[in-house]
């Protein structure tokens, strides 16, 4: 009985490993590949312009201008 359970577990793990439907943690958030080969996750990123005080939400951290400061919230 125990041997059958171990064998069934091994077969299950092999099928799971070969399955394309298994979600990895990175699949729950979209990523985009940049022209330079870097990958930037698509997550709303609020940032503030230190010169004007304007706060804006950008679609990815890579879209935030270099001179802007990333903040927790625009509110």
N, C-alpha and C. Protein backbone atom coordinates (compact mmCIF):
# COMPACT_ATOMS: atom_id res chain seq x y z
N UNK A 1 0.83 -1.19 0.00
CA UNK A 1 0.00 0.00 0.00
C UNK A 1 0.87 1.25 0.00
N UNK A 2 1.85 1.28 0.89
CA UNK A 2 2.74 2.44 0.98
C UNK A 2 3.52 2.63 -0.31
N UNK A 3 3.97 1.54 -0.87
CA UNK A 3 4.72 1.60 -2.13
C UNK A 3 3.85 2.16 -3.25
N UNK A 4 2.58 1.80 -3.28
CA UNK A 4 1.66 2.32 -4.29
C UNK A 4 1.46 3.82 -4.13
N UNK A 5 1.36 4.30 -2.90
CA UNK A 5 1.21 5.74 -2.65
C UNK A 5 2.46 6.51 -3.09
N UNK A 6 3.62 5.98 -2.79
CA UNK A 6 4.87 6.63 -3.19
C UNK A 6 4.95 6.68 -4.71
N UNK A 7 4.64 5.57 -5.36
CA UNK A 7 4.67 5.51 -6.81
C UNK A 7 3.68 6.51 -7.42
N UNK A 8 2.47 6.57 -6.88
CA UNK A 8 1.46 7.51 -7.38
C UNK A 8 1.93 8.95 -7.18
N UNK A 9 2.58 9.22 -6.06
CA UNK A 9 3.10 10.57 -5.80
C UNK A 9 4.18 10.96 -6.80
N UNK A 10 5.05 10.02 -7.12
CA UNK A 10 6.11 10.30 -8.10
C UNK A 10 5.51 10.59 -9.46
N UNK A 11 4.54 9.81 -9.88
CA UNK A 11 3.89 10.04 -11.18
C UNK A 11 3.19 11.39 -11.18
N UNK A 12 2.50 11.72 -10.10
CA UNK A 12 1.81 13.01 -10.00
C UNK A 12 2.80 14.16 -10.13
N UNK A 13 3.92 14.08 -9.42
CA UNK A 13 4.91 15.16 -9.47
C UNK A 13 5.53 15.29 -10.86
N UNK A 14 5.74 14.19 -11.54
CA UNK A 14 6.28 14.26 -12.90
C UNK A 14 5.27 14.93 -13.84
N UNK A 15 4.00 14.59 -13.71
CA UNK A 15 2.98 15.21 -14.55
C UNK A 15 2.85 16.69 -14.22
N UNK A 16 2.93 17.03 -12.96
CA UNK A 16 2.85 18.42 -12.54
C UNK A 16 4.01 19.22 -13.10
N UNK A 17 5.19 18.66 -13.07
CA UNK A 17 6.39 19.33 -13.58
C UNK A 17 6.29 19.56 -15.09
N UNK A 18 5.67 18.64 -15.82
CA UNK A 18 5.56 18.74 -17.27
C UNK A 18 4.35 19.54 -17.72
N UNK A 19 3.46 19.87 -16.81
CA UNK A 19 2.24 20.59 -17.16
C UNK A 19 2.54 22.05 -17.47
N UNK A 20 1.91 22.58 -18.52
CA UNK A 20 2.08 23.99 -18.87
C UNK A 20 1.03 24.85 -18.19
N UNK A 21 0.09 24.24 -17.51
CA UNK A 21 -0.99 24.99 -16.88
C UNK A 21 -0.66 25.39 -15.45
N UNK A 22 0.45 24.97 -14.93
CA UNK A 22 0.84 25.31 -13.57
C UNK A 22 1.24 26.77 -13.53
N UNK A 23 0.66 27.52 -12.60
CA UNK A 23 0.98 28.93 -12.48
C UNK A 23 2.17 29.12 -11.56
N UNK A 24 3.10 29.91 -12.00
CA UNK A 24 4.22 30.27 -11.14
C UNK A 24 3.89 31.62 -10.51
N UNK A 25 4.56 32.01 -9.43
CA UNK A 25 4.27 33.29 -8.79
C UNK A 25 4.39 34.48 -9.73
N UNK A 26 5.27 34.41 -10.72
CA UNK A 26 5.44 35.55 -11.63
C UNK A 26 4.31 35.66 -12.63
N UNK A 27 3.45 34.64 -12.77
CA UNK A 27 2.38 34.70 -13.74
C UNK A 27 1.17 35.45 -13.23
N UNK A 28 1.09 35.76 -11.94
CA UNK A 28 -0.06 36.49 -11.45
C UNK A 28 0.07 37.99 -11.69
N UNK A 29 1.23 38.45 -12.07
CA UNK A 29 1.45 39.84 -12.44
C UNK A 29 2.08 39.86 -13.81
N UNK A 30 1.64 40.76 -14.64
CA UNK A 30 2.19 40.82 -15.99
C UNK A 30 3.54 41.51 -15.98
N UNK A 31 4.39 41.07 -16.88
CA UNK A 31 5.70 41.68 -17.04
C UNK A 31 5.86 42.08 -18.50
N UNK A 32 6.66 43.09 -18.74
CA UNK A 32 6.96 43.46 -20.11
C UNK A 32 8.46 43.49 -20.28
N UNK A 33 8.92 43.06 -21.46
CA UNK A 33 10.35 43.08 -21.72
C UNK A 33 10.68 44.38 -22.43
N UNK A 34 11.66 45.08 -21.92
CA UNK A 34 12.09 46.35 -22.48
C UNK A 34 13.07 46.09 -23.62
N UNK A 35 13.26 47.08 -24.51
CA UNK A 35 14.17 46.89 -25.64
C UNK A 35 15.59 46.48 -25.23
N UNK A 36 16.04 46.91 -24.08
CA UNK A 36 17.40 46.58 -23.65
C UNK A 36 17.48 45.20 -23.00
N UNK A 37 16.39 44.43 -23.03
CA UNK A 37 16.38 43.09 -22.47
C UNK A 37 15.96 43.02 -21.02
N UNK A 38 15.81 44.17 -20.35
CA UNK A 38 15.35 44.18 -18.96
C UNK A 38 13.87 43.84 -18.92
N UNK A 39 13.44 43.31 -17.81
CA UNK A 39 12.02 43.02 -17.61
C UNK A 39 11.51 43.94 -16.53
N UNK A 40 10.34 44.55 -16.78
CA UNK A 40 9.75 45.45 -15.80
C UNK A 40 8.33 44.98 -15.50
N UNK A 41 8.04 44.71 -14.25
CA UNK A 41 6.72 44.22 -13.85
C UNK A 41 5.68 45.32 -14.02
N UNK A 42 4.49 44.95 -14.46
CA UNK A 42 3.41 45.92 -14.63
C UNK A 42 2.63 46.03 -13.33
N UNK A 43 2.98 47.03 -12.56
CA UNK A 43 2.31 47.30 -11.29
C UNK A 43 2.22 48.82 -11.16
N UNK A 44 1.04 49.32 -10.82
CA UNK A 44 0.85 50.77 -10.71
C UNK A 44 1.87 51.33 -9.72
N UNK A 45 2.61 52.34 -10.18
CA UNK A 45 3.68 52.93 -9.37
C UNK A 45 3.47 54.42 -9.24
N UNK A 46 3.03 54.90 -8.07
CA UNK A 46 2.87 56.34 -7.87
C UNK A 46 4.23 57.02 -7.70
N UNK A 47 4.33 58.24 -8.26
CA UNK A 47 5.58 59.00 -8.13
C UNK A 47 5.25 60.48 -8.11
N UNK A 48 6.14 61.25 -7.47
CA UNK A 48 5.94 62.70 -7.33
C UNK A 48 7.10 63.44 -7.99
N UNK A 49 6.74 64.49 -8.73
CA UNK A 49 7.74 65.37 -9.34
C UNK A 49 8.22 66.33 -8.26
N UNK A 50 9.49 66.26 -7.85
CA UNK A 50 9.96 67.11 -6.76
C UNK A 50 9.97 68.60 -7.12
N UNK A 51 10.02 68.90 -8.40
CA UNK A 51 10.03 70.31 -8.83
C UNK A 51 8.67 70.97 -8.77
N UNK A 52 7.63 70.23 -9.15
CA UNK A 52 6.29 70.81 -9.23
C UNK A 52 5.35 70.29 -8.15
N UNK A 53 5.69 69.17 -7.53
CA UNK A 53 4.81 68.56 -6.54
C UNK A 53 3.74 67.68 -7.16
N UNK A 54 3.69 67.64 -8.50
CA UNK A 54 2.69 66.81 -9.19
C UNK A 54 2.92 65.35 -8.84
N UNK A 55 1.83 64.64 -8.58
CA UNK A 55 1.89 63.21 -8.29
C UNK A 55 1.10 62.49 -9.38
N UNK A 56 1.64 61.40 -9.87
CA UNK A 56 1.02 60.68 -10.97
C UNK A 56 1.28 59.19 -10.78
N UNK A 57 0.34 58.36 -11.27
CA UNK A 57 0.52 56.91 -11.23
C UNK A 57 1.00 56.44 -12.60
N UNK A 58 2.08 55.67 -12.61
CA UNK A 58 2.66 55.13 -13.84
C UNK A 58 2.37 53.64 -13.92
N UNK A 59 2.26 53.08 -15.14
CA UNK A 59 1.91 51.67 -15.28
C UNK A 59 2.99 50.69 -14.82
N UNK A 60 4.24 51.12 -14.81
CA UNK A 60 5.33 50.27 -14.33
C UNK A 60 6.37 51.14 -13.64
N UNK A 61 7.20 50.57 -12.78
CA UNK A 61 8.28 51.35 -12.16
C UNK A 61 9.26 51.88 -13.21
N UNK A 62 9.39 51.19 -14.32
CA UNK A 62 10.32 51.63 -15.37
C UNK A 62 9.82 52.87 -16.10
N UNK A 63 8.53 53.18 -15.99
CA UNK A 63 7.96 54.35 -16.66
C UNK A 63 8.12 55.63 -15.84
N UNK A 64 8.52 55.50 -14.58
CA UNK A 64 8.70 56.68 -13.73
C UNK A 64 9.94 57.43 -14.21
N UNK A 65 9.80 58.74 -14.52
CA UNK A 65 10.98 59.51 -14.95
C UNK A 65 12.07 59.48 -13.87
N UNK A 66 13.32 59.52 -14.31
CA UNK A 66 14.46 59.40 -13.39
C UNK A 66 14.48 60.47 -12.31
N UNK A 67 14.00 61.68 -12.63
CA UNK A 67 14.06 62.76 -11.64
C UNK A 67 12.85 62.78 -10.71
N UNK A 68 11.88 61.88 -10.89
CA UNK A 68 10.72 61.79 -10.02
C UNK A 68 11.03 60.87 -8.85
N UNK A 69 10.32 61.07 -7.73
CA UNK A 69 10.48 60.24 -6.54
C UNK A 69 9.31 59.27 -6.43
N UNK A 70 9.59 57.98 -6.31
CA UNK A 70 8.53 56.99 -6.11
C UNK A 70 7.99 57.17 -4.70
N UNK A 71 6.65 57.15 -4.58
CA UNK A 71 5.98 57.32 -3.29
C UNK A 71 5.00 56.17 -3.09
N UNK A 72 4.47 56.03 -1.89
CA UNK A 72 3.51 54.96 -1.60
C UNK A 72 2.14 55.25 -2.19
N UNK A 73 1.76 56.53 -2.25
CA UNK A 73 0.43 56.90 -2.72
C UNK A 73 0.43 58.36 -3.15
N UNK A 74 -0.45 58.70 -4.07
CA UNK A 74 -0.59 60.09 -4.49
C UNK A 74 -1.62 60.83 -3.64
N UNK A 75 -2.23 60.16 -2.69
CA UNK A 75 -3.27 60.79 -1.87
C UNK A 75 -2.73 61.28 -0.57
